[in-house]
Amino acid sequence: MVIKSVNLEKVCGVTSKIPDNKLMEIAFAGKSNVGKSSLINGLMNRKSLARTSSKPGKTQTINYYNINDRLYFVDLPGYGYAVANEQVKAQWGKLIEDYLHQSKMLKAVFLLIDIRHAPSENDRIMYDWIVNRGHKPIIIATKLDKIKKSQINKQIKLICDTLDIESDTTVIPYSSLSKQGRDEIYELIDGMLQD
């Protein structure tokens, strides 16, 4: 996959209507601070189009990035941000649920999980939500550069066991520093575009 053009085309807040797009959509979900913006920027070959922050909870809207006029990367709000009040968290949850329920062009959901830790309760809820909406999440195990190579398989097994994922679920370890895993993600997306 060669990224020729990228454009932040639509931003949906809590009161916005989910747009009725004509292009395929790939959604990115993950808890705050899991490296979602870094992954999206890495895939788009852009330094800071998706806003990264040392403060979690930066993405509070659904952001639609038009890629090559062929598909959208859909950046969903990060969940599980401790400092946000309950009302705000509930609104983000509704926004994500509305999107998963209403988008007609959603082809795949990439669920980002920090490879260093067992998935949280929020990760499990999100995984179940995605599955219950009829999608099979693709797990991106982020922050790969923060663990030793010898730990990778053990940590991936921990993620799979904790989420109780189906045996044929795709799990891709990803490093935003070395971009390890990016080519595998591109291959998946290319395959989806050809379906």
N, C-alpha and C. Protein backbone atom coordinates (compact mmCIF):
# COMPACT_ATOMS: atom_id res chain seq x y z
N MET A 1 0.85 -1.19 0.00
CA MET A 1 0.00 0.00 0.00
C MET A 1 0.88 1.24 0.00
N VAL A 2 0.67 2.10 -0.97
CA VAL A 2 1.43 3.35 -1.05
C VAL A 2 0.47 4.49 -0.72
N ILE A 3 0.83 5.27 0.29
CA ILE A 3 -0.02 6.39 0.70
C ILE A 3 0.35 7.61 -0.15
N LYS A 4 -0.58 8.01 -1.01
CA LYS A 4 -0.31 9.18 -1.87
C LYS A 4 -0.95 10.44 -1.30
N SER A 5 -2.17 10.29 -0.76
CA SER A 5 -2.83 11.47 -0.22
C SER A 5 -3.57 11.12 1.07
N VAL A 6 -3.52 12.06 2.00
CA VAL A 6 -4.19 11.90 3.30
C VAL A 6 -4.89 13.22 3.61
N ASN A 7 -6.13 13.09 4.08
CA ASN A 7 -6.87 14.31 4.38
C ASN A 7 -7.82 14.04 5.55
N LEU A 8 -7.68 14.84 6.61
CA LEU A 8 -8.65 14.74 7.72
C LEU A 8 -9.93 15.37 7.21
N GLU A 9 -10.91 14.51 6.88
CA GLU A 9 -12.07 14.99 6.13
C GLU A 9 -13.27 15.31 7.01
N LYS A 10 -13.47 14.49 8.05
CA LYS A 10 -14.66 14.70 8.90
C LYS A 10 -14.28 14.47 10.34
N VAL A 11 -14.92 15.25 11.22
CA VAL A 11 -14.75 15.09 12.66
C VAL A 11 -16.14 15.04 13.27
N CYS A 12 -16.43 13.95 14.00
CA CYS A 12 -17.75 13.78 14.62
C CYS A 12 -17.64 13.85 16.13
N GLY A 13 -18.40 14.75 16.72
CA GLY A 13 -18.45 14.83 18.17
C GLY A 13 -19.68 14.09 18.69
N VAL A 14 -19.94 14.29 19.96
CA VAL A 14 -21.02 13.56 20.64
C VAL A 14 -22.38 13.84 20.00
N THR A 15 -22.57 15.07 19.50
CA THR A 15 -23.88 15.43 18.95
C THR A 15 -23.96 15.22 17.43
N SER A 16 -22.86 14.83 16.81
CA SER A 16 -22.85 14.70 15.35
C SER A 16 -23.53 13.41 14.91
N LYS A 17 -23.99 13.44 13.66
CA LYS A 17 -24.55 12.24 13.05
C LYS A 17 -23.40 11.47 12.39
N ILE A 18 -23.41 10.16 12.51
CA ILE A 18 -22.38 9.33 11.86
C ILE A 18 -22.54 9.49 10.35
N PRO A 19 -21.46 9.91 9.63
CA PRO A 19 -21.62 10.15 8.19
C PRO A 19 -21.89 8.88 7.40
N ASP A 20 -22.61 9.04 6.31
CA ASP A 20 -22.95 7.93 5.43
C ASP A 20 -21.92 7.91 4.30
N ASN A 21 -20.77 7.30 4.56
CA ASN A 21 -19.67 7.34 3.59
C ASN A 21 -19.87 6.32 2.47
N LYS A 22 -19.20 6.58 1.37
CA LYS A 22 -19.26 5.66 0.23
C LYS A 22 -17.99 4.82 0.11
N LEU A 23 -16.95 5.19 0.87
CA LEU A 23 -15.69 4.45 0.81
C LEU A 23 -15.59 3.50 2.01
N MET A 24 -14.80 2.45 1.83
CA MET A 24 -14.54 1.50 2.89
C MET A 24 -13.93 2.20 4.11
N GLU A 25 -14.30 1.73 5.31
CA GLU A 25 -13.76 2.30 6.53
C GLU A 25 -13.03 1.23 7.34
N ILE A 26 -11.89 1.63 7.89
CA ILE A 26 -11.16 0.80 8.84
C ILE A 26 -11.06 1.61 10.12
N ALA A 27 -11.61 1.05 11.21
CA ALA A 27 -11.63 1.79 12.48
C ALA A 27 -10.49 1.35 13.38
N PHE A 28 -10.02 2.30 14.18
CA PHE A 28 -8.94 2.06 15.14
C PHE A 28 -9.49 2.35 16.53
N ALA A 29 -9.50 1.33 17.38
CA ALA A 29 -10.00 1.47 18.74
C ALA A 29 -8.91 1.08 19.72
N GLY A 30 -8.93 1.71 20.87
CA GLY A 30 -7.94 1.37 21.89
C GLY A 30 -8.05 2.32 23.06
N LYS A 31 -7.54 1.88 24.19
CA LYS A 31 -7.65 2.76 25.35
C LYS A 31 -6.69 3.93 25.19
N SER A 32 -6.94 4.97 25.94
CA SER A 32 -6.09 6.15 25.91
C SER A 32 -4.66 5.76 26.19
N ASN A 33 -3.76 6.36 25.46
CA ASN A 33 -2.32 6.16 25.69
C ASN A 33 -1.80 4.81 25.23
N VAL A 34 -2.54 4.12 24.34
CA VAL A 34 -2.07 2.82 23.85
C VAL A 34 -1.20 2.99 22.59
N GLY A 35 -1.15 4.23 22.07
CA GLY A 35 -0.33 4.48 20.88
C GLY A 35 -1.14 4.50 19.59
N LYS A 36 -2.43 4.83 19.72
CA LYS A 36 -3.33 4.82 18.56
C LYS A 36 -2.93 5.89 17.54
N SER A 37 -2.72 7.12 18.02
CA SER A 37 -2.34 8.21 17.11
C SER A 37 -0.99 7.91 16.46
N SER A 38 -0.06 7.34 17.23
CA SER A 38 1.26 7.01 16.68
C SER A 38 1.14 5.96 15.58
N LEU A 39 0.26 4.96 15.78
CA LEU A 39 0.05 3.94 14.76
C LEU A 39 -0.55 4.56 13.50
N ILE A 40 -1.58 5.38 13.68
CA ILE A 40 -2.25 5.98 12.51
C ILE A 40 -1.28 6.88 11.75
N ASN A 41 -0.51 7.69 12.48
CA ASN A 41 0.50 8.53 11.82
C ASN A 41 1.53 7.68 11.09
N GLY A 42 1.94 6.57 11.72
CA GLY A 42 2.93 5.67 11.10
C GLY A 42 2.39 5.06 9.82
N LEU A 43 1.12 4.67 9.82
CA LEU A 43 0.51 4.08 8.62
C LEU A 43 0.32 5.13 7.52
N MET A 44 0.05 6.38 7.94
CA MET A 44 -0.19 7.45 6.95
C MET A 44 1.11 8.12 6.51
N ASN A 45 2.24 7.69 7.09
CA ASN A 45 3.53 8.34 6.82
C ASN A 45 3.50 9.84 7.13
N ARG A 46 2.81 10.19 8.18
CA ARG A 46 2.75 11.59 8.61
C ARG A 46 3.25 11.66 10.05
N LYS A 47 3.91 12.76 10.36
CA LYS A 47 4.45 12.90 11.72
C LYS A 47 3.35 13.16 12.74
N SER A 48 2.44 14.07 12.45
CA SER A 48 1.52 14.47 13.52
C SER A 48 0.14 14.87 13.02
N LEU A 49 -0.36 14.17 11.99
CA LEU A 49 -1.72 14.49 11.53
C LEU A 49 -2.72 14.02 12.59
N ALA A 50 -2.57 12.78 13.06
CA ALA A 50 -3.37 12.34 14.21
C ALA A 50 -2.63 12.86 15.44
N ARG A 51 -3.35 13.55 16.31
CA ARG A 51 -2.69 14.23 17.43
C ARG A 51 -2.23 13.22 18.48
N THR A 52 -0.91 13.23 18.72
CA THR A 52 -0.38 12.41 19.81
C THR A 52 -0.19 13.32 21.01
N SER A 53 -0.22 12.75 22.19
CA SER A 53 -0.09 13.57 23.39
C SER A 53 0.42 12.73 24.53
N SER A 54 1.18 13.36 25.41
CA SER A 54 1.59 12.64 26.62
C SER A 54 0.42 12.57 27.59
N LYS A 55 -0.58 13.42 27.37
CA LYS A 55 -1.80 13.36 28.19
C LYS A 55 -2.80 12.46 27.50
N PRO A 56 -3.22 11.37 28.15
CA PRO A 56 -4.20 10.48 27.52
C PRO A 56 -5.54 11.17 27.33
N GLY A 57 -6.36 10.58 26.49
CA GLY A 57 -7.73 11.10 26.32
C GLY A 57 -7.81 12.27 25.36
N LYS A 58 -6.81 12.40 24.48
CA LYS A 58 -6.78 13.53 23.55
C LYS A 58 -7.85 13.40 22.47
N THR A 59 -8.04 12.19 21.95
CA THR A 59 -9.05 12.00 20.91
C THR A 59 -10.42 11.86 21.58
N GLN A 60 -11.25 12.90 21.43
CA GLN A 60 -12.58 12.87 22.04
C GLN A 60 -13.66 12.92 20.97
N THR A 61 -13.22 12.78 19.73
CA THR A 61 -14.14 12.79 18.59
C THR A 61 -13.82 11.59 17.72
N ILE A 62 -14.69 11.31 16.75
CA ILE A 62 -14.37 10.31 15.72
C ILE A 62 -13.79 11.08 14.54
N ASN A 63 -12.56 10.76 14.18
CA ASN A 63 -11.87 11.47 13.10
C ASN A 63 -11.74 10.57 11.88
N TYR A 64 -12.20 11.10 10.74
CA TYR A 64 -12.17 10.35 9.47
C TYR A 64 -11.04 10.87 8.58
N TYR A 65 -10.05 10.02 8.33
CA TYR A 65 -8.94 10.37 7.44
C TYR A 65 -9.15 9.71 6.09
N ASN A 66 -9.28 10.52 5.05
CA ASN A 66 -9.44 9.99 3.70
C ASN A 66 -8.05 9.61 3.18
N ILE A 67 -7.88 8.34 2.82
CA ILE A 67 -6.60 7.81 2.35
C ILE A 67 -6.71 7.51 0.86
N ASN A 68 -5.95 8.25 0.06
CA ASN A 68 -5.89 8.00 -1.40
C ASN A 68 -7.25 8.04 -2.10
N ASP A 69 -8.25 8.67 -1.47
CA ASP A 69 -9.62 8.67 -2.02
C ASP A 69 -10.14 7.25 -2.23
N ARG A 70 -9.61 6.29 -1.45
CA ARG A 70 -10.04 4.89 -1.59
C ARG A 70 -10.65 4.32 -0.31
N LEU A 71 -10.24 4.85 0.83
CA LEU A 71 -10.78 4.35 2.08
C LEU A 71 -10.61 5.40 3.17
N TYR A 72 -11.26 5.15 4.30
CA TYR A 72 -11.09 6.01 5.48
C TYR A 72 -10.43 5.23 6.60
N PHE A 73 -9.46 5.88 7.26
CA PHE A 73 -9.02 5.43 8.57
C PHE A 73 -9.91 6.19 9.56
N VAL A 74 -10.59 5.47 10.43
CA VAL A 74 -11.51 6.10 11.38
C VAL A 74 -10.93 5.95 12.78
N ASP A 75 -10.52 7.08 13.35
CA ASP A 75 -9.88 7.12 14.66
C ASP A 75 -10.97 7.33 15.72
N LEU A 76 -11.24 6.27 16.50
CA LEU A 76 -12.29 6.34 17.53
C LEU A 76 -11.72 6.92 18.83
N PRO A 77 -12.57 7.52 19.67
CA PRO A 77 -12.06 8.09 20.92
C PRO A 77 -11.40 7.02 21.78
N GLY A 78 -10.30 7.39 22.41
CA GLY A 78 -9.65 6.48 23.36
C GLY A 78 -10.56 6.27 24.56
N TYR A 79 -10.59 5.06 25.08
CA TYR A 79 -11.47 4.78 26.22
C TYR A 79 -10.64 4.51 27.47
N GLY A 80 -11.34 4.51 28.61
CA GLY A 80 -10.68 4.13 29.87
C GLY A 80 -9.78 5.21 30.44
N TYR A 81 -9.99 6.46 30.01
CA TYR A 81 -9.15 7.54 30.51
C TYR A 81 -9.61 7.92 31.92
N ALA A 82 -8.75 7.69 32.90
CA ALA A 82 -9.16 7.77 34.31
C ALA A 82 -9.62 9.16 34.74
N VAL A 83 -9.00 10.22 34.20
CA VAL A 83 -9.28 11.57 34.70
C VAL A 83 -10.62 12.12 34.17
N ALA A 84 -11.07 11.60 33.04
CA ALA A 84 -12.35 12.08 32.49
C ALA A 84 -13.48 11.71 33.44
N ASN A 85 -14.45 12.61 33.59
CA ASN A 85 -15.55 12.27 34.50
C ASN A 85 -16.48 11.24 33.86
N GLU A 86 -17.34 10.65 34.70
CA GLU A 86 -18.18 9.53 34.24
C GLU A 86 -19.10 9.92 33.09
N GLN A 87 -19.60 11.16 33.13
CA GLN A 87 -20.51 11.62 32.08
C GLN A 87 -19.79 11.66 30.73
N VAL A 88 -18.56 12.20 30.76
CA VAL A 88 -17.77 12.28 29.52
C VAL A 88 -17.46 10.88 29.02
N LYS A 89 -17.06 9.99 29.94
CA LYS A 89 -16.76 8.60 29.54
C LYS A 89 -17.98 7.94 28.91
N ALA A 90 -19.15 8.18 29.49
CA ALA A 90 -20.39 7.60 28.95
C ALA A 90 -20.65 8.13 27.54
N GLN A 91 -20.38 9.42 27.32
CA GLN A 91 -20.59 10.01 25.98
C GLN A 91 -19.64 9.39 24.96
N TRP A 92 -18.37 9.21 25.35
CA TRP A 92 -17.42 8.57 24.43
C TRP A 92 -17.87 7.17 24.10
N GLY A 93 -18.32 6.43 25.13
CA GLY A 93 -18.79 5.06 24.93
C GLY A 93 -19.95 5.01 23.96
N LYS A 94 -20.89 5.96 24.12
CA LYS A 94 -22.04 6.01 23.22
C LYS A 94 -21.60 6.33 21.80
N LEU A 95 -20.64 7.24 21.67
CA LEU A 95 -20.12 7.64 20.36
C LEU A 95 -19.53 6.41 19.65
N ILE A 96 -18.71 5.64 20.37
CA ILE A 96 -18.09 4.45 19.79
C ILE A 96 -19.16 3.41 19.42
N GLU A 97 -20.11 3.21 20.34
CA GLU A 97 -21.15 2.21 20.10
C GLU A 97 -22.02 2.61 18.90
N ASP A 98 -22.38 3.91 18.83
CA ASP A 98 -23.16 4.41 17.70
C ASP A 98 -22.43 4.15 16.38
N TYR A 99 -21.12 4.43 16.40
CA TYR A 99 -20.34 4.22 15.18
C TYR A 99 -20.36 2.75 14.78
N LEU A 100 -20.04 1.85 15.70
CA LEU A 100 -20.00 0.42 15.39
C LEU A 100 -21.36 -0.07 14.91
N HIS A 101 -22.41 0.51 15.44
CA HIS A 101 -23.77 0.09 15.12
C HIS A 101 -24.25 0.65 13.78
N GLN A 102 -23.84 1.90 13.47
CA GLN A 102 -24.44 2.62 12.34
C GLN A 102 -23.62 2.65 11.06
N SER A 103 -22.30 2.49 11.18
CA SER A 103 -21.49 2.61 9.96
C SER A 103 -21.78 1.46 9.00
N LYS A 104 -22.13 1.83 7.78
CA LYS A 104 -22.45 0.80 6.77
C LYS A 104 -21.20 0.36 6.00
N MET A 105 -20.14 1.16 6.07
CA MET A 105 -18.94 0.87 5.26
C MET A 105 -17.78 0.33 6.10
N LEU A 106 -18.05 0.00 7.36
CA LEU A 106 -16.98 -0.49 8.24
C LEU A 106 -16.56 -1.89 7.80
N LYS A 107 -15.31 -2.01 7.42
CA LYS A 107 -14.78 -3.28 6.91
C LYS A 107 -14.02 -4.03 7.99
N ALA A 108 -13.30 -3.30 8.84
CA ALA A 108 -12.47 -3.96 9.86
C ALA A 108 -12.25 -3.01 11.03
N VAL A 109 -12.06 -3.62 12.21
CA VAL A 109 -11.71 -2.84 13.39
C VAL A 109 -10.37 -3.33 13.90
N PHE A 110 -9.42 -2.42 13.98
CA PHE A 110 -8.14 -2.72 14.60
C PHE A 110 -8.26 -2.34 16.07
N LEU A 111 -8.11 -3.32 16.95
CA LEU A 111 -8.17 -3.07 18.39
C LEU A 111 -6.74 -3.07 18.92
N LEU A 112 -6.31 -1.95 19.45
CA LEU A 112 -4.93 -1.80 19.92
C LEU A 112 -4.84 -2.16 21.40
N ILE A 113 -3.88 -3.02 21.70
CA ILE A 113 -3.64 -3.47 23.07
C ILE A 113 -2.15 -3.29 23.36
N ASP A 114 -1.82 -2.70 24.50
CA ASP A 114 -0.43 -2.52 24.91
C ASP A 114 0.17 -3.90 25.20
N ILE A 115 1.20 -4.26 24.44
CA ILE A 115 1.78 -5.61 24.54
C ILE A 115 2.40 -5.88 25.91
N ARG A 116 2.70 -4.83 26.68
CA ARG A 116 3.39 -5.01 27.96
C ARG A 116 2.48 -5.52 29.07
N HIS A 117 1.15 -5.35 28.88
CA HIS A 117 0.23 -5.66 29.98
C HIS A 117 -0.90 -6.58 29.52
N ALA A 118 -1.51 -7.25 30.47
CA ALA A 118 -2.74 -7.99 30.16
C ALA A 118 -3.82 -6.98 29.79
N PRO A 119 -4.69 -7.30 28.83
CA PRO A 119 -5.78 -6.39 28.49
C PRO A 119 -6.62 -6.04 29.71
N SER A 120 -7.06 -4.78 29.77
CA SER A 120 -7.85 -4.30 30.91
C SER A 120 -9.31 -4.73 30.74
N GLU A 121 -10.09 -4.46 31.77
CA GLU A 121 -11.53 -4.71 31.71
C GLU A 121 -12.15 -3.95 30.54
N ASN A 122 -11.72 -2.69 30.36
CA ASN A 122 -12.22 -1.87 29.24
C ASN A 122 -11.87 -2.49 27.89
N ASP A 123 -10.66 -3.05 27.79
CA ASP A 123 -10.26 -3.73 26.55
C ASP A 123 -11.18 -4.91 26.27
N ARG A 124 -11.50 -5.65 27.32
CA ARG A 124 -12.37 -6.83 27.15
C ARG A 124 -13.78 -6.41 26.72
N ILE A 125 -14.27 -5.33 27.34
CA ILE A 125 -15.60 -4.82 26.97
C ILE A 125 -15.60 -4.39 25.51
N MET A 126 -14.55 -3.67 25.10
CA MET A 126 -14.47 -3.20 23.71
C MET A 126 -14.39 -4.37 22.75
N TYR A 127 -13.58 -5.37 23.08
CA TYR A 127 -13.46 -6.56 22.24
C TYR A 127 -14.85 -7.20 22.05
N ASP A 128 -15.57 -7.37 23.16
CA ASP A 128 -16.89 -8.00 23.10
C ASP A 128 -17.88 -7.16 22.29
N TRP A 129 -17.82 -5.84 22.46
CA TRP A 129 -18.68 -4.93 21.69
C TRP A 129 -18.48 -5.14 20.19
N ILE A 130 -17.20 -5.16 19.81
CA ILE A 130 -16.86 -5.29 18.38
C ILE A 130 -17.38 -6.63 17.84
N VAL A 131 -17.14 -7.69 18.61
CA VAL A 131 -17.59 -9.02 18.19
C VAL A 131 -19.11 -9.08 18.11
N ASN A 132 -19.79 -8.49 19.10
CA ASN A 132 -21.25 -8.50 19.12
C ASN A 132 -21.87 -7.69 17.98
N ARG A 133 -21.09 -6.80 17.41
CA ARG A 133 -21.55 -6.03 16.25
C ARG A 133 -21.26 -6.77 14.94
N GLY A 134 -20.75 -8.00 15.07
CA GLY A 134 -20.54 -8.82 13.88
C GLY A 134 -19.18 -8.66 13.22
N HIS A 135 -18.26 -8.00 13.90
CA HIS A 135 -16.92 -7.81 13.33
C HIS A 135 -15.92 -8.69 14.07
N LYS A 136 -14.85 -9.01 13.37
CA LYS A 136 -13.78 -9.80 14.00
C LYS A 136 -12.60 -8.85 14.18
N PRO A 137 -12.32 -8.43 15.42
CA PRO A 137 -11.24 -7.46 15.61
C PRO A 137 -9.89 -8.01 15.16
N ILE A 138 -9.07 -7.14 14.61
CA ILE A 138 -7.68 -7.45 14.33
C ILE A 138 -6.90 -6.80 15.47
N ILE A 139 -6.15 -7.60 16.20
CA ILE A 139 -5.45 -7.09 17.38
C ILE A 139 -4.08 -6.54 16.95
N ILE A 140 -3.83 -5.28 17.30
CA ILE A 140 -2.51 -4.68 17.09
C ILE A 140 -1.88 -4.54 18.47
N ALA A 141 -0.82 -5.30 18.72
CA ALA A 141 -0.13 -5.26 20.02
C ALA A 141 0.94 -4.18 19.95
N THR A 142 0.64 -3.02 20.53
CA THR A 142 1.50 -1.84 20.39
C THR A 142 2.63 -1.83 21.43
N LYS A 143 3.53 -0.87 21.24
CA LYS A 143 4.66 -0.64 22.15
C LYS A 143 5.62 -1.83 22.18
N LEU A 144 5.76 -2.45 21.02
CA LEU A 144 6.62 -3.64 20.88
C LEU A 144 8.07 -3.33 21.27
N ASP A 145 8.51 -2.10 21.01
CA ASP A 145 9.91 -1.74 21.30
C ASP A 145 10.19 -1.66 22.80
N LYS A 146 9.13 -1.72 23.62
CA LYS A 146 9.31 -1.59 25.08
C LYS A 146 9.52 -2.93 25.78
N ILE A 147 9.48 -4.04 25.01
CA ILE A 147 9.74 -5.34 25.64
C ILE A 147 10.87 -6.05 24.89
N LYS A 148 11.45 -7.06 25.56
CA LYS A 148 12.52 -7.85 24.92
C LYS A 148 11.90 -8.80 23.89
N LYS A 149 12.68 -9.12 22.87
CA LYS A 149 12.20 -10.07 21.84
C LYS A 149 11.74 -11.39 22.46
N SER A 150 12.48 -11.82 23.49
CA SER A 150 12.16 -13.12 24.12
C SER A 150 10.80 -13.11 24.82
N GLN A 151 10.24 -11.92 25.08
CA GLN A 151 8.96 -11.83 25.79
C GLN A 151 7.75 -11.77 24.85
N ILE A 152 8.00 -11.57 23.55
CA ILE A 152 6.90 -11.29 22.62
C ILE A 152 5.84 -12.39 22.64
N ASN A 153 6.24 -13.64 22.43
CA ASN A 153 5.26 -14.74 22.35
C ASN A 153 4.46 -14.89 23.64
N LYS A 154 5.15 -14.75 24.77
CA LYS A 154 4.47 -14.87 26.08
C LYS A 154 3.41 -13.77 26.21
N GLN A 155 3.75 -12.53 25.82
CA GLN A 155 2.82 -11.41 25.97
C GLN A 155 1.64 -11.53 24.99
N ILE A 156 1.90 -12.05 23.80
CA ILE A 156 0.81 -12.23 22.83
C ILE A 156 -0.15 -13.31 23.35
N LYS A 157 0.42 -14.37 23.95
CA LYS A 157 -0.44 -15.42 24.53
C LYS A 157 -1.29 -14.83 25.66
N LEU A 158 -0.70 -13.96 26.46
CA LEU A 158 -1.42 -13.31 27.56
C LEU A 158 -2.61 -12.50 27.02
N ILE A 159 -2.37 -11.75 25.95
CA ILE A 159 -3.44 -10.95 25.32
C ILE A 159 -4.55 -11.88 24.81
N CYS A 160 -4.15 -12.92 24.08
CA CYS A 160 -5.14 -13.86 23.50
C CYS A 160 -5.96 -14.55 24.59
N ASP A 161 -5.28 -14.99 25.66
CA ASP A 161 -5.97 -15.71 26.74
C ASP A 161 -6.92 -14.77 27.49
N THR A 162 -6.45 -13.56 27.78
CA THR A 162 -7.26 -12.62 28.56
C THR A 162 -8.51 -12.21 27.80
N LEU A 163 -8.36 -11.96 26.48
CA LEU A 163 -9.52 -11.56 25.68
C LEU A 163 -10.35 -12.76 25.25
N ASP A 164 -9.79 -13.97 25.42
CA ASP A 164 -10.46 -15.20 25.00
C ASP A 164 -10.82 -15.13 23.52
N ILE A 165 -9.80 -14.77 22.71
CA ILE A 165 -10.07 -14.56 21.28
C ILE A 165 -10.09 -15.88 20.52
N GLU A 166 -10.78 -15.85 19.39
CA GLU A 166 -10.86 -17.04 18.55
C GLU A 166 -9.48 -17.35 17.97
N SER A 167 -9.22 -18.62 17.75
CA SER A 167 -7.86 -19.05 17.39
C SER A 167 -7.37 -18.47 16.06
N ASP A 168 -8.31 -18.13 15.16
CA ASP A 168 -7.85 -17.61 13.86
C ASP A 168 -7.83 -16.07 13.81
N THR A 169 -7.89 -15.42 14.97
CA THR A 169 -7.82 -13.95 15.02
C THR A 169 -6.40 -13.50 14.69
N THR A 170 -6.29 -12.46 13.89
CA THR A 170 -4.98 -11.91 13.53
C THR A 170 -4.47 -11.03 14.66
N VAL A 171 -3.22 -11.30 15.08
CA VAL A 171 -2.55 -10.46 16.09
C VAL A 171 -1.23 -9.99 15.49
N ILE A 172 -1.04 -8.66 15.42
CA ILE A 172 0.17 -8.11 14.82
C ILE A 172 0.92 -7.26 15.85
N PRO A 173 2.12 -7.69 16.26
CA PRO A 173 2.92 -6.83 17.12
C PRO A 173 3.41 -5.61 16.32
N TYR A 174 3.36 -4.42 16.94
CA TYR A 174 3.70 -3.20 16.21
C TYR A 174 4.58 -2.27 17.06
N SER A 175 5.59 -1.71 16.40
CA SER A 175 6.44 -0.71 17.04
C SER A 175 6.34 0.60 16.28
N SER A 176 5.98 1.68 16.98
CA SER A 176 5.90 2.98 16.30
C SER A 176 7.30 3.53 16.03
N LEU A 177 8.31 2.99 16.71
CA LEU A 177 9.68 3.46 16.48
C LEU A 177 10.29 2.81 15.25
N SER A 178 10.29 1.46 15.21
CA SER A 178 10.93 0.75 14.09
C SER A 178 9.96 0.52 12.93
N LYS A 179 8.67 0.75 13.18
CA LYS A 179 7.59 0.47 12.21
C LYS A 179 7.44 -1.03 11.93
N GLN A 180 8.00 -1.86 12.81
CA GLN A 180 7.77 -3.31 12.68
C GLN A 180 6.28 -3.58 12.78
N GLY A 181 5.77 -4.37 11.84
CA GLY A 181 4.34 -4.69 11.81
C GLY A 181 3.58 -3.88 10.77
N ARG A 182 4.17 -2.77 10.32
CA ARG A 182 3.45 -1.90 9.39
C ARG A 182 3.17 -2.60 8.06
N ASP A 183 4.15 -3.31 7.53
CA ASP A 183 3.95 -3.97 6.24
C ASP A 183 2.84 -5.02 6.31
N GLU A 184 2.76 -5.73 7.44
CA GLU A 184 1.69 -6.72 7.61
C GLU A 184 0.31 -6.04 7.62
N ILE A 185 0.24 -4.88 8.26
CA ILE A 185 -1.02 -4.14 8.31
C ILE A 185 -1.38 -3.66 6.90
N TYR A 186 -0.39 -3.14 6.18
CA TYR A 186 -0.64 -2.70 4.79
C TYR A 186 -1.17 -3.86 3.94
N GLU A 187 -0.57 -5.04 4.12
CA GLU A 187 -1.01 -6.21 3.34
C GLU A 187 -2.47 -6.55 3.62
N LEU A 188 -2.83 -6.49 4.91
CA LEU A 188 -4.22 -6.75 5.28
C LEU A 188 -5.15 -5.75 4.60
N ILE A 189 -4.78 -4.47 4.64
CA ILE A 189 -5.62 -3.42 4.07
C ILE A 189 -5.72 -3.59 2.55
N ASP A 190 -4.59 -3.91 1.92
CA ASP A 190 -4.62 -4.15 0.46
C ASP A 190 -5.59 -5.28 0.13
N GLY A 191 -5.55 -6.34 0.94
CA GLY A 191 -6.46 -7.47 0.72
C GLY A 191 -7.91 -7.04 0.84
N MET A 192 -8.21 -6.18 1.82
CA MET A 192 -9.58 -5.70 2.01
C MET A 192 -10.04 -4.85 0.83
N LEU A 193 -9.13 -4.05 0.30
CA LEU A 193 -9.49 -3.19 -0.85
C LEU A 193 -9.81 -4.02 -2.08
N GLN A 194 -9.22 -5.24 -2.14
CA GLN A 194 -9.46 -6.07 -3.33
C GLN A 194 -10.71 -6.94 -3.19
N ASP A 195 -11.21 -7.08 -1.98
CA ASP A 195 -12.40 -7.93 -1.77
C ASP A 195 -13.61 -7.40 -2.55
